[in-house]
Amino acid sequence: MHFIQPIYVVRPFNLSLAAVLVVITSIVGFVVAFVFSRIWNKLHLC
């Protein structure tokens, strides 16, 4: 009767994949914050 099918499927929890995701997200966040702080400091020199 319904023609809509879900696109995403929830997979079982995988601890190693979750740990890798946390590490990669942390590294990317650190790099973005570091670059932003360098730009901010260059633009706001007294």
C-alpha atoms as a PDB file:
ATOM      1  CA  MET A   1       0.000   0.000   0.000  1.00  0.00           C
ATOM      2  CA  HIS A   2       2.846   2.423   0.811  1.00  0.00           C
ATOM      3  CA  PHE A   3       5.443   3.170  -1.801  1.00  0.00           C
ATOM      4  CA  ILE A   4       7.928   5.041   0.400  1.00  0.00           C
ATOM      5  CA  GLN A   5      10.948   3.037   1.512  1.00  0.00           C
ATOM      6  CA  PRO A   6      13.549   4.303   3.988  1.00  0.00           C
ATOM      7  CA  ILE A   7      16.888   5.246   2.459  1.00  0.00           C
ATOM      8  CA  TYR A   8      19.001   4.791   5.601  1.00  0.00           C
ATOM      9  CA  VAL A   9      19.443   1.600   7.579  1.00  0.00           C
ATOM     10  CA  VAL A  10      20.610   1.608  11.198  1.00  0.00           C
ATOM     11  CA  ARG A  11      23.430  -0.874  11.595  1.00  0.00           C
ATOM     12  CA  PRO A  12      24.507  -2.613  14.810  1.00  0.00           C
ATOM     13  CA  PHE A  13      26.870  -0.713  17.115  1.00  0.00           C
ATOM     14  CA  ASN A  14      30.540  -1.216  16.292  1.00  0.00           C
ATOM     15  CA  LEU A  15      32.915   0.002  19.017  1.00  0.00           C
ATOM     16  CA  SER A  16      36.008   0.266  16.809  1.00  0.00           C
ATOM     17  CA  LEU A  17      34.136   2.237  14.141  1.00  0.00           C
ATOM     18  CA  ALA A  18      32.731   4.553  16.815  1.00  0.00           C
ATOM     19  CA  ALA A  19      36.221   5.127  18.237  1.00  0.00           C
ATOM     20  CA  VAL A  20      37.623   5.931  14.794  1.00  0.00           C
ATOM     21  CA  LEU A  21      34.770   8.375  14.209  1.00  0.00           C
ATOM     22  CA  VAL A  22      35.461  10.144  17.521  1.00  0.00           C
ATOM     23  CA  VAL A  23      39.204  10.363  16.783  1.00  0.00           C
ATOM     24  CA  ILE A  24      38.737  11.695  13.244  1.00  0.00           C
ATOM     25  CA  THR A  25      36.119  14.217  14.386  1.00  0.00           C
ATOM     26  CA  SER A  26      38.426  15.405  17.171  1.00  0.00           C
ATOM     27  CA  ILE A  27      41.362  15.832  14.790  1.00  0.00           C
ATOM     28  CA  VAL A  28      39.287  17.735  12.234  1.00  0.00           C
ATOM     29  CA  GLY A  29      37.853  19.965  14.967  1.00  0.00           C
ATOM     30  CA  PHE A  30      41.323  20.680  16.323  1.00  0.00           C
ATOM     31  CA  VAL A  31      42.695  21.568  12.895  1.00  0.00           C
ATOM     32  CA  VAL A  32      39.760  23.855  12.055  1.00  0.00           C
ATOM     33  CA  ALA A  33      40.034  25.617  15.429  1.00  0.00           C
ATOM     34  CA  PHE A  34      43.803  25.977  15.042  1.00  0.00           C
ATOM     35  CA  VAL A  35      43.511  27.509  11.567  1.00  0.00           C
ATOM     36  CA  PHE A  36      40.736  29.836  12.725  1.00  0.00           C
ATOM     37  CA  SER A  37      42.788  30.969  15.721  1.00  0.00           C
ATOM     38  CA  ARG A  38      45.816  31.683  13.503  1.00  0.00           C
ATOM     39  CA  ILE A  39      43.695  33.765  11.126  1.00  0.00           C
ATOM     40  CA  TRP A  40      42.033  35.542  14.066  1.00  0.00           C
ATOM     41  CA  ASN A  41      45.385  36.402  15.637  1.00  0.00           C
ATOM     42  CA  LYS A  42      46.797  37.666  12.314  1.00  0.00           C
ATOM     43  CA  LEU A  43      43.811  39.978  11.787  1.00  0.00           C
ATOM     44  CA  HIS A  44      43.689  41.336  15.356  1.00  0.00           C
ATOM     45  CA  LEU A  45      47.265  42.370  16.013  1.00  0.00           C
ATOM     46  CA  CYS A  46      47.561  45.481  18.167  1.00  0.00           C
END
